[in-house]
Amino acid sequence: MGMLLSFGHGYSARALSDLLLAEGGWTVAGTTRSAEKAGDLAQTGVEPIIWPGADMRPALEAATHLLISAGPGPDGDPVLAALGDDIARIAPRLAWCGYLSTTGVYGDHDGGWVDEATPLAPSTRRGRLRQEAEAAWQAIPDLPLHIFRLAGIYGPGRGPFAKVRAGTARRIIKPGQVFSRTHVEDIAQVLAASIRQPHPGAIYNVCDDDPAPPQDVIGHAAELLGLPMPEAVPFDQADMTPMARSFYADSKRVANDRIKRELGVTLRYPSYRDGLRAMMHSS
């Protein structure tokens, strides 16, 4: 228990703060870029800090735990760029620091399995920036750093149901393509378990047990809703944004044994089928 300072307090960080605040004994401060989002955070019990802009030194001095969700840009990690010296100064007294990365750092493995020991070989610009950011955080002496490589995130408000209901969903078919996924509540429980059992230097893949082709997920959502199966569209003919298309650059299955073995985590949603079933009436 203590004070968690969360940089880039978004979807996954909110799920964690909900858990910690429900436990009692925690205070949470989270950064956001907008006044509107700051108001939303305050309603959840999180102390909002509009940053960049605010002086972060008082919050850093009060923090016992750090969570970094803010993504890197062309100039590197934005938190380290602005506050690296301050974080290095407080590093020895922190109880825990978590950095949310991505399984994109592993690159493409043609549908094969990867684990935390797999050499990093990112095939996209986003993956390379994450690899560089991981290394920059690892270079801070005495920082009790834990890296969490998240698979594709879904959960309430983030799922296929809206598009399936609207009739705009498509099953994009790319032969051999497979993704790993993780429900936001499982991310939160992994982070909470790590806070309770710190292992500085540890790296954890956070994903479910059931890597699957993306079209299977869309199809299952339609089945749950009792709606017609969305149209199948070949990948090379699909109308997609460059960002959406880039997600298909990598195909791999991500192993999650370490979160179970070292942190004792039992996934609430071991398959997308479990997660979608739970979300059906809330998405």
C-alpha atoms as a PDB file:
ATOM      1  CA  MET A   1       0.000   0.000   0.000  1.00  0.00           C
ATOM      2  CA  GLY A   2       1.180   3.498  -0.695  1.00  0.00           C
ATOM      3  CA  MET A   3       0.946   6.218  -3.312  1.00  0.00           C
ATOM      4  CA  LEU A   4       0.870   5.239  -6.991  1.00  0.00           C
ATOM      5  CA  LEU A   5       1.849   7.897  -9.515  1.00  0.00           C
ATOM      6  CA  SER A   6       0.616   6.915 -12.954  1.00  0.00           C
ATOM      7  CA  PHE A   7       1.940   8.628 -16.083  1.00  0.00           C
ATOM      8  CA  GLY A   8      -0.550   8.473 -18.952  1.00  0.00           C
ATOM      9  CA  HIS A   9      -3.455   7.288 -16.806  1.00  0.00           C
ATOM     10  CA  GLY A  10      -5.509   5.570 -19.480  1.00  0.00           C
ATOM     11  CA  TYR A  11      -7.525   2.394 -19.969  1.00  0.00           C
ATOM     12  CA  SER A  12      -5.204  -0.147 -18.330  1.00  0.00           C
ATOM     13  CA  ALA A  13      -4.039   2.187 -15.568  1.00  0.00           C
ATOM     14  CA  ARG A  14      -7.627   2.973 -14.623  1.00  0.00           C
ATOM     15  CA  ALA A  15      -8.371  -0.719 -14.218  1.00  0.00           C
ATOM     16  CA  LEU A  16      -5.413  -1.011 -11.840  1.00  0.00           C
ATOM     17  CA  SER A  17      -6.354   2.092  -9.840  1.00  0.00           C
ATOM     18  CA  ASP A  18      -9.895   0.740  -9.419  1.00  0.00           C
ATOM     19  CA  LEU A  19      -8.413  -2.401  -7.831  1.00  0.00           C
ATOM     20  CA  LEU A  20      -6.005  -0.554  -5.565  1.00  0.00           C
ATOM     21  CA  LEU A  21      -8.520   2.020  -4.359  1.00  0.00           C
ATOM     22  CA  ALA A  22     -11.023  -0.749  -3.616  1.00  0.00           C
ATOM     23  CA  GLU A  23      -8.385  -2.453  -1.425  1.00  0.00           C
ATOM     24  CA  GLY A  24      -8.011   0.655   0.718  1.00  0.00           C
ATOM     25  CA  GLY A  25      -4.807   2.224   1.976  1.00  0.00           C
ATOM     26  CA  TRP A  26      -3.834   3.525  -1.464  1.00  0.00           C
ATOM     27  CA  THR A  27      -3.800   6.965  -3.007  1.00  0.00           C
ATOM     28  CA  VAL A  28      -3.437   7.287  -6.763  1.00  0.00           C
ATOM     29  CA  ALA A  29      -2.419  10.281  -8.844  1.00  0.00           C
ATOM     30  CA  GLY A  30      -2.618  10.089 -12.619  1.00  0.00           C
ATOM     31  CA  THR A  31      -1.536  12.372 -15.411  1.00  0.00           C
ATOM     32  CA  THR A  32      -3.716  13.378 -18.321  1.00  0.00           C
ATOM     33  CA  ARG A  33      -3.412  15.990 -21.031  1.00  0.00           C
ATOM     34  CA  SER A  34      -6.937  17.433 -20.871  1.00  0.00           C
ATOM     35  CA  ALA A  35      -9.071  19.157 -18.266  1.00  0.00           C
ATOM     36  CA  GLU A  36     -12.094  17.121 -19.358  1.00  0.00           C
ATOM     37  CA  LYS A  37     -10.295  13.833 -18.689  1.00  0.00           C
ATOM     38  CA  ALA A  38      -9.002  15.249 -15.427  1.00  0.00           C
ATOM     39  CA  GLY A  39     -12.594  15.653 -14.284  1.00  0.00           C
ATOM     40  CA  ASP A  40     -13.347  12.064 -15.237  1.00  0.00           C
ATOM     41  CA  LEU A  41     -10.345  10.817 -13.258  1.00  0.00           C
ATOM     42  CA  ALA A  42     -11.367  12.774 -10.167  1.00  0.00           C
ATOM     43  CA  GLN A  43     -14.749  11.033 -10.207  1.00  0.00           C
ATOM     44  CA  THR A  44     -12.983   7.650  -9.934  1.00  0.00           C
ATOM     45  CA  GLY A  45     -11.021   8.688  -6.851  1.00  0.00           C
ATOM     46  CA  VAL A  46      -7.783   9.423  -8.710  1.00  0.00           C
ATOM     47  CA  GLU A  47      -6.018  12.749  -8.136  1.00  0.00           C
ATOM     48  CA  PRO A  48      -5.702  14.181 -11.663  1.00  0.00           C
ATOM     49  CA  ILE A  49      -2.579  16.023 -12.778  1.00  0.00           C
ATOM     50  CA  ILE A  50      -2.599  17.819 -16.113  1.00  0.00           C
ATOM     51  CA  TRP A  51       0.795  17.076 -17.601  1.00  0.00           C
ATOM     52  CA  PRO A  52       2.771  18.266 -19.463  1.00  0.00           C
ATOM     53  CA  GLY A  53       2.178  21.521 -17.672  1.00  0.00           C
ATOM     54  CA  ALA A  54       2.082  20.816 -13.963  1.00  0.00           C
ATOM     55  CA  ASP A  55       5.150  20.687 -11.718  1.00  0.00           C
ATOM     56  CA  MET A  56       5.571  16.931 -11.173  1.00  0.00           C
ATOM     57  CA  ARG A  57       8.188  17.165  -8.432  1.00  0.00           C
ATOM     58  CA  PRO A  58       5.759  17.143  -5.462  1.00  0.00           C
ATOM     59  CA  ALA A  59       3.983  14.043  -6.806  1.00  0.00           C
ATOM     60  CA  LEU A  60       7.295  12.309  -7.495  1.00  0.00           C
ATOM     61  CA  GLU A  61       8.506  13.035  -3.978  1.00  0.00           C
ATOM     62  CA  ALA A  62       5.295  11.564  -2.527  1.00  0.00           C
ATOM     63  CA  ALA A  63       5.181   8.481  -4.767  1.00  0.00           C
ATOM     64  CA  THR A  64       6.064   5.027  -3.505  1.00  0.00           C
ATOM     65  CA  HIS A  65       5.116   3.315  -6.779  1.00  0.00           C
ATOM     66  CA  LEU A  66       5.320   4.464 -10.425  1.00  0.00           C
ATOM     67  CA  LEU A  67       3.331   3.212 -13.418  1.00  0.00           C
ATOM     68  CA  ILE A  68       4.347   4.311 -16.897  1.00  0.00           C
ATOM     69  CA  SER A  69       1.670   3.958 -19.573  1.00  0.00           C
ATOM     70  CA  ALA A  70       2.654   6.903 -21.761  1.00  0.00           C
ATOM     71  CA  GLY A  71       3.894   5.706 -25.138  1.00  0.00           C
ATOM     72  CA  PRO A  72       7.197   6.771 -26.695  1.00  0.00           C
ATOM     73  CA  GLY A  73       7.417   9.191 -29.604  1.00  0.00           C
ATOM     74  CA  PRO A  74      10.085  10.041 -32.168  1.00  0.00           C
ATOM     75  CA  ASP A  75      12.082  11.794 -29.443  1.00  0.00           C
ATOM     76  CA  GLY A  76      11.942   8.810 -27.113  1.00  0.00           C
ATOM     77  CA  ASP A  77      10.086   8.240 -23.883  1.00  0.00           C
ATOM     78  CA  PRO A  78       8.292  11.485 -22.921  1.00  0.00           C
ATOM     79  CA  VAL A  79       8.462  10.847 -19.169  1.00  0.00           C
ATOM     80  CA  LEU A  80      12.205  10.264 -19.176  1.00  0.00           C
ATOM     81  CA  ALA A  81      12.790  13.161 -21.553  1.00  0.00           C
ATOM     82  CA  ALA A  82      11.118  15.578 -19.143  1.00  0.00           C
ATOM     83  CA  LEU A  83      11.740  13.987 -15.746  1.00  0.00           C
ATOM     84  CA  GLY A  84      14.563  11.501 -16.124  1.00  0.00           C
ATOM     85  CA  ASP A  85      16.857  13.200 -13.615  1.00  0.00           C
ATOM     86  CA  ASP A  86      14.096  13.469 -11.003  1.00  0.00           C
ATOM     87  CA  ILE A  87      13.158   9.800 -11.448  1.00  0.00           C
ATOM     88  CA  ALA A  88      16.796   8.721 -11.193  1.00  0.00           C
ATOM     89  CA  ARG A  89      17.070  10.647  -7.926  1.00  0.00           C
ATOM     90  CA  ILE A  90      14.062   8.961  -6.287  1.00  0.00           C
ATOM     91  CA  ALA A  91      14.690   5.518  -7.818  1.00  0.00           C
ATOM     92  CA  PRO A  92      16.447   3.952  -4.793  1.00  0.00           C
ATOM     93  CA  ARG A  93      13.530   4.632  -2.428  1.00  0.00           C
ATOM     94  CA  LEU A  94      10.709   3.458  -4.721  1.00  0.00           C
ATOM     95  CA  ALA A  95       9.020   0.173  -3.867  1.00  0.00           C
ATOM     96  CA  TRP A  96       7.986  -0.642  -7.432  1.00  0.00           C
ATOM     97  CA  CYS A  97       7.989   0.761 -10.951  1.00  0.00           C
ATOM     98  CA  GLY A  98       5.974  -0.728 -13.798  1.00  0.00           C
ATOM     99  CA  TYR A  99       6.432   0.028 -17.491  1.00  0.00           C
ATOM    100  CA  LEU A 100       3.644  -1.000 -19.875  1.00  0.00           C
ATOM    101  CA  SER A 101       5.223  -2.129 -23.133  1.00  0.00           C
ATOM    102  CA  THR A 102       3.926  -4.307 -25.961  1.00  0.00           C
ATOM    103  CA  THR A 103       4.447  -7.777 -27.367  1.00  0.00           C
ATOM    104  CA  GLY A 104       5.212  -5.930 -30.609  1.00  0.00           C
ATOM    105  CA  VAL A 105       8.853  -5.812 -29.477  1.00  0.00           C
ATOM    106  CA  TYR A 106       9.178  -9.493 -30.467  1.00  0.00           C
ATOM    107  CA  GLY A 107       8.355  -8.820 -34.111  1.00  0.00           C
ATOM    108  CA  ASP A 108       6.977 -11.369 -36.555  1.00  0.00           C
ATOM    109  CA  HIS A 109       7.353 -15.104 -35.854  1.00  0.00           C
ATOM    110  CA  ASP A 110       5.085 -16.534 -38.569  1.00  0.00           C
ATOM    111  CA  GLY A 111       2.575 -17.697 -35.981  1.00  0.00           C
ATOM    112  CA  GLY A 112       5.208 -19.311 -33.749  1.00  0.00           C
ATOM    113  CA  TRP A 113       5.479 -19.034 -29.985  1.00  0.00           C
ATOM    114  CA  VAL A 114       7.483 -16.382 -28.128  1.00  0.00           C
ATOM    115  CA  ASP A 115       8.255 -15.952 -24.435  1.00  0.00           C
ATOM    116  CA  GLU A 116      10.161 -13.426 -22.345  1.00  0.00           C
ATOM    117  CA  ALA A 117      13.506 -14.963 -23.355  1.00  0.00           C
ATOM    118  CA  THR A 118      12.826 -14.535 -27.099  1.00  0.00           C
ATOM    119  CA  PRO A 119      15.279 -12.028 -28.652  1.00  0.00           C
ATOM    120  CA  LEU A 120      13.664  -8.716 -29.516  1.00  0.00           C
ATOM    121  CA  ALA A 121      13.304  -8.089 -33.239  1.00  0.00           C
ATOM    122  CA  PRO A 122      10.513  -5.521 -33.749  1.00  0.00           C
ATOM    123  CA  SER A 123       9.293  -5.244 -37.321  1.00  0.00           C
ATOM    124  CA  THR A 124       7.315  -2.005 -36.948  1.00  0.00           C
ATOM    125  CA  ARG A 125       8.297   1.519 -36.008  1.00  0.00           C
ATOM    126  CA  ARG A 126       6.058   1.363 -32.927  1.00  0.00           C
ATOM    127  CA  GLY A 127       7.783  -1.826 -31.807  1.00  0.00           C
ATOM    128  CA  ARG A 128      11.242  -0.313 -32.265  1.00  0.00           C
ATOM    129  CA  LEU A 129      10.285   2.750 -30.222  1.00  0.00           C
ATOM    130  CA  ARG A 130       9.027   0.493 -27.436  1.00  0.00           C
ATOM    131  CA  GLN A 131      12.241  -1.520 -27.470  1.00  0.00           C
ATOM    132  CA  GLU A 132      14.248   1.691 -27.140  1.00  0.00           C
ATOM    133  CA  ALA A 133      11.998   2.923 -24.332  1.00  0.00           C
ATOM    134  CA  GLU A 134      12.358  -0.353 -22.425  1.00  0.00           C
ATOM    135  CA  ALA A 135      16.141  -0.039 -22.659  1.00  0.00           C
ATOM    136  CA  ALA A 136      16.059   3.576 -21.475  1.00  0.00           C
ATOM    137  CA  TRP A 137      14.082   2.659 -18.354  1.00  0.00           C
ATOM    138  CA  GLN A 138      16.322  -0.356 -17.706  1.00  0.00           C
ATOM    139  CA  ALA A 139      19.360   1.936 -17.747  1.00  0.00           C
ATOM    140  CA  ILE A 140      18.258   3.864 -14.610  1.00  0.00           C
ATOM    141  CA  PRO A 141      20.352   2.618 -11.672  1.00  0.00           C
ATOM    142  CA  ASP A 142      18.522   1.223  -8.630  1.00  0.00           C
ATOM    143  CA  LEU A 143      15.078   1.567 -10.225  1.00  0.00           C
ATOM    144  CA  PRO A 144      12.846  -1.386  -9.178  1.00  0.00           C
ATOM    145  CA  LEU A 145      11.628  -1.775 -12.745  1.00  0.00           C
ATOM    146  CA  HIS A 146       9.114  -4.349 -13.970  1.00  0.00           C
ATOM    147  CA  ILE A 147       8.285  -4.497 -17.683  1.00  0.00           C
ATOM    148  CA  PHE A 148       4.889  -5.758 -18.797  1.00  0.00           C
ATOM    149  CA  ARG A 149       4.574  -6.652 -22.489  1.00  0.00           C
ATOM    150  CA  LEU A 150       0.887  -6.418 -23.232  1.00  0.00           C
ATOM    151  CA  ALA A 151      -0.868  -8.265 -26.031  1.00  0.00           C
ATOM    152  CA  GLY A 152      -3.899  -6.762 -27.805  1.00  0.00           C
ATOM    153  CA  ILE A 153      -6.058  -5.110 -25.145  1.00  0.00           C
ATOM    154  CA  TYR A 154      -9.827  -5.446 -25.021  1.00  0.00           C
ATOM    155  CA  GLY A 155     -12.544  -5.081 -22.408  1.00  0.00           C
ATOM    156  CA  PRO A 156     -15.627  -2.969 -21.634  1.00  0.00           C
ATOM    157  CA  GLY A 157     -15.887  -0.233 -24.237  1.00  0.00           C
ATOM    158  CA  ARG A 158     -13.170  -1.858 -26.353  1.00  0.00           C
ATOM    159  CA  GLY A 159     -14.458  -4.806 -28.283  1.00  0.00           C
ATOM    160  CA  PRO A 160     -16.113  -5.878 -31.519  1.00  0.00           C
ATOM    161  CA  PHE A 161     -19.746  -5.674 -30.403  1.00  0.00           C
ATOM    162  CA  ALA A 162     -20.480  -2.103 -31.505  1.00  0.00           C
ATOM    163  CA  LYS A 163     -19.307  -2.720 -35.066  1.00  0.00           C
ATOM    164  CA  VAL A 164     -21.040  -6.091 -35.242  1.00  0.00           C
ATOM    165  CA  ARG A 165     -24.314  -4.551 -34.075  1.00  0.00           C
ATOM    166  CA  ALA A 166     -23.920  -1.685 -36.547  1.00  0.00           C
ATOM    167  CA  GLY A 167     -23.235  -4.070 -39.409  1.00  0.00           C
ATOM    168  CA  THR A 168     -19.850  -2.471 -40.128  1.00  0.00           C
ATOM    169  CA  ALA A 169     -17.645  -5.290 -38.836  1.00  0.00           C
ATOM    170  CA  ARG A 170     -15.600  -7.268 -41.339  1.00  0.00           C
ATOM    171  CA  ARG A 171     -13.660 -10.484 -40.933  1.00  0.00           C
ATOM    172  CA  ILE A 172     -10.244  -9.614 -42.362  1.00  0.00           C
ATOM    173  CA  ILE A 173      -8.627 -12.807 -43.649  1.00  0.00           C
ATOM    174  CA  LYS A 174      -4.853 -13.062 -43.811  1.00  0.00           C
ATOM    175  CA  PRO A 175      -3.807 -16.728 -44.019  1.00  0.00           C
ATOM    176  CA  GLY A 176      -1.684 -17.775 -41.058  1.00  0.00           C
ATOM    177  CA  GLN A 177      -2.360 -14.582 -39.099  1.00  0.00           C
ATOM    178  CA  VAL A 178      -2.741 -15.069 -35.352  1.00  0.00           C
ATOM    179  CA  PHE A 179      -2.765 -12.636 -32.434  1.00  0.00           C
ATOM    180  CA  SER A 180      -2.617 -12.903 -28.663  1.00  0.00           C
ATOM    181  CA  ARG A 181      -4.982 -10.797 -26.566  1.00  0.00           C
ATOM    182  CA  THR A 182      -5.558  -9.740 -22.984  1.00  0.00           C
ATOM    183  CA  HIS A 183      -8.594  -8.502 -21.100  1.00  0.00           C
ATOM    184  CA  VAL A 184      -8.029  -5.234 -19.241  1.00  0.00           C
ATOM    185  CA  GLU A 185      -9.097  -6.802 -15.937  1.00  0.00           C
ATOM    186  CA  ASP A 186      -6.364  -9.405 -16.303  1.00  0.00           C
ATOM    187  CA  ILE A 187      -3.818  -6.648 -16.930  1.00  0.00           C
ATOM    188  CA  ALA A 188      -4.932  -5.009 -13.699  1.00  0.00           C
ATOM    189  CA  GLN A 189      -4.671  -8.180 -11.654  1.00  0.00           C
ATOM    190  CA  VAL A 190      -1.203  -8.957 -13.041  1.00  0.00           C
ATOM    191  CA  LEU A 191       0.013  -5.470 -12.110  1.00  0.00           C
ATOM    192  CA  ALA A 192      -1.523  -5.736  -8.647  1.00  0.00           C
ATOM    193  CA  ALA A 193       0.104  -9.144  -8.118  1.00  0.00           C
ATOM    194  CA  SER A 194       3.482  -7.721  -9.132  1.00  0.00           C
ATOM    195  CA  ILE A 195       3.082  -4.810  -6.708  1.00  0.00           C
ATOM    196  CA  ARG A 196       2.443  -7.314  -3.914  1.00  0.00           C
ATOM    197  CA  GLN A 197       5.409  -9.493  -4.991  1.00  0.00           C
ATOM    198  CA  PRO A 198       8.061  -7.226  -6.519  1.00  0.00           C
ATOM    199  CA  HIS A 199      10.858  -8.802  -8.564  1.00  0.00           C
ATOM    200  CA  PRO A 200      12.932  -5.840  -9.819  1.00  0.00           C
ATOM    201  CA  GLY A 201      14.223  -6.509 -13.311  1.00  0.00           C
ATOM    202  CA  ALA A 202      11.392  -8.902 -14.155  1.00  0.00           C
ATOM    203  CA  ILE A 203       9.710  -8.926 -17.557  1.00  0.00           C
ATOM    204  CA  TYR A 204       6.231 -10.385 -17.981  1.00  0.00           C
ATOM    205  CA  ASN A 205       4.136 -11.173 -21.026  1.00  0.00           C
ATOM    206  CA  VAL A 206       0.508 -10.313 -20.280  1.00  0.00           C
ATOM    207  CA  CYS A 207      -1.900 -12.236 -22.496  1.00  0.00           C
ATOM    208  CA  ASP A 208      -4.505 -14.972 -22.393  1.00  0.00           C
ATOM    209  CA  ASP A 209      -4.124 -18.673 -23.164  1.00  0.00           C
ATOM    210  CA  ASP A 210      -5.805 -18.639 -26.562  1.00  0.00           C
ATOM    211  CA  PRO A 211      -4.019 -16.913 -29.467  1.00  0.00           C
ATOM    212  CA  ALA A 212      -6.430 -16.817 -32.392  1.00  0.00           C
ATOM    213  CA  PRO A 213      -6.995 -15.386 -35.865  1.00  0.00           C
ATOM    214  CA  PRO A 214      -8.771 -12.006 -35.691  1.00  0.00           C
ATOM    215  CA  GLN A 215     -11.661 -13.189 -37.862  1.00  0.00           C
ATOM    216  CA  ASP A 216     -12.503 -15.834 -35.254  1.00  0.00           C
ATOM    217  CA  VAL A 217     -13.040 -13.143 -32.624  1.00  0.00           C
ATOM    218  CA  ILE A 218     -15.363 -11.122 -34.858  1.00  0.00           C
ATOM    219  CA  GLY A 219     -17.246 -14.246 -35.817  1.00  0.00           C
ATOM    220  CA  HIS A 220     -17.711 -15.309 -32.204  1.00  0.00           C
ATOM    221  CA  ALA A 221     -19.042 -11.875 -31.279  1.00  0.00           C
ATOM    222  CA  ALA A 222     -21.650 -12.168 -34.026  1.00  0.00           C
ATOM    223  CA  GLU A 223     -22.623 -15.630 -32.790  1.00  0.00           C
ATOM    224  CA  LEU A 224     -23.061 -14.368 -29.219  1.00  0.00           C
ATOM    225  CA  LEU A 225     -25.304 -11.574 -30.462  1.00  0.00           C
ATOM    226  CA  GLY A 226     -27.269 -13.867 -32.757  1.00  0.00           C
ATOM    227  CA  LEU A 227     -26.437 -11.686 -35.742  1.00  0.00           C
ATOM    228  CA  PRO A 228     -25.328 -12.620 -39.274  1.00  0.00           C
ATOM    229  CA  MET A 229     -21.694 -13.544 -39.752  1.00  0.00           C
ATOM    230  CA  PRO A 230     -19.770 -10.431 -40.908  1.00  0.00           C
ATOM    231  CA  GLU A 231     -18.415 -10.463 -44.438  1.00  0.00           C
ATOM    232  CA  ALA A 232     -15.020 -12.087 -45.000  1.00  0.00           C
ATOM    233  CA  VAL A 233     -12.590  -9.763 -46.796  1.00  0.00           C
ATOM    234  CA  PRO A 234      -9.098 -10.770 -47.969  1.00  0.00           C
ATOM    235  CA  PHE A 235      -6.409  -8.722 -46.249  1.00  0.00           C
ATOM    236  CA  ASP A 236      -4.967  -7.395 -49.495  1.00  0.00           C
ATOM    237  CA  GLN A 237      -8.406  -6.097 -50.521  1.00  0.00           C
ATOM    238  CA  ALA A 238      -9.458  -4.650 -47.165  1.00  0.00           C
ATOM    239  CA  ASP A 239     -10.021  -0.914 -46.757  1.00  0.00           C
ATOM    240  CA  MET A 240      -7.951  -0.224 -43.635  1.00  0.00           C
ATOM    241  CA  THR A 241      -6.065   2.686 -42.149  1.00  0.00           C
ATOM    242  CA  PRO A 242      -2.265   2.425 -42.239  1.00  0.00           C
ATOM    243  CA  MET A 243      -2.314   2.009 -38.450  1.00  0.00           C
ATOM    244  CA  ALA A 244      -4.808  -0.862 -38.575  1.00  0.00           C
ATOM    245  CA  ARG A 245      -2.913  -2.528 -41.421  1.00  0.00           C
ATOM    246  CA  SER A 246       0.353  -2.306 -39.499  1.00  0.00           C
ATOM    247  CA  PHE A 247      -1.027  -4.558 -36.760  1.00  0.00           C
ATOM    248  CA  TYR A 248      -1.054  -7.390 -39.299  1.00  0.00           C
ATOM    249  CA  ALA A 249       2.720  -7.072 -39.823  1.00  0.00           C
ATOM    250  CA  ASP A 250       3.345  -9.473 -36.936  1.00  0.00           C
ATOM    251  CA  SER A 251       1.927 -12.959 -36.430  1.00  0.00           C
ATOM    252  CA  LYS A 252       2.856 -14.809 -33.243  1.00  0.00           C
ATOM    253  CA  ARG A 253       1.585 -16.706 -30.241  1.00  0.00           C
ATOM    254  CA  VAL A 254       2.673 -15.261 -26.900  1.00  0.00           C
ATOM    255  CA  ALA A 255       3.362 -17.520 -23.904  1.00  0.00           C
ATOM    256  CA  ASN A 256       2.158 -16.356 -20.485  1.00  0.00           C
ATOM    257  CA  ASP A 257       3.617 -19.008 -18.140  1.00  0.00           C
ATOM    258  CA  ARG A 258       5.667 -16.530 -16.116  1.00  0.00           C
ATOM    259  CA  ILE A 259       2.718 -14.514 -14.766  1.00  0.00           C
ATOM    260  CA  LYS A 260       1.209 -17.759 -13.513  1.00  0.00           C
ATOM    261  CA  ARG A 261       4.401 -19.279 -12.141  1.00  0.00           C
ATOM    262  CA  GLU A 262       5.993 -16.210 -10.503  1.00  0.00           C
ATOM    263  CA  LEU A 263       2.938 -14.117  -9.628  1.00  0.00           C
ATOM    264  CA  GLY A 264       0.373 -16.853  -9.003  1.00  0.00           C
ATOM    265  CA  VAL A 265      -2.099 -15.281 -11.405  1.00  0.00           C
ATOM    266  CA  THR A 266      -5.201 -17.186 -12.466  1.00  0.00           C
ATOM    267  CA  LEU A 267      -6.643 -15.486 -15.515  1.00  0.00           C
ATOM    268  CA  ARG A 268     -10.231 -14.345 -15.232  1.00  0.00           C
ATOM    269  CA  TYR A 269     -10.571 -14.535 -18.997  1.00  0.00           C
ATOM    270  CA  PRO A 270      -8.252 -17.285 -20.329  1.00  0.00           C
ATOM    271  CA  SER A 271      -9.842 -17.046 -23.796  1.00  0.00           C
ATOM    272  CA  TYR A 272     -11.437 -14.322 -25.872  1.00  0.00           C
ATOM    273  CA  ARG A 273     -14.595 -16.430 -25.655  1.00  0.00           C
ATOM    274  CA  ASP A 274     -14.716 -15.902 -21.889  1.00  0.00           C
ATOM    275  CA  GLY A 275     -14.014 -12.203 -22.233  1.00  0.00           C
ATOM    276  CA  LEU A 276     -16.591 -11.585 -24.936  1.00  0.00           C
ATOM    277  CA  ARG A 277     -19.256 -13.497 -23.040  1.00  0.00           C
ATOM    278  CA  ALA A 278     -18.668 -11.314 -19.976  1.00  0.00           C
ATOM    279  CA  MET A 279     -18.687  -8.134 -22.076  1.00  0.00           C
ATOM    280  CA  MET A 280     -21.748  -8.889 -24.143  1.00  0.00           C
ATOM    281  CA  HIS A 281     -24.194  -6.876 -22.072  1.00  0.00           C
ATOM    282  CA  SER A 282     -21.775  -4.081 -21.168  1.00  0.00           C
ATOM    283  CA  SER A 283     -20.336  -3.184 -24.581  1.00  0.00           C
END
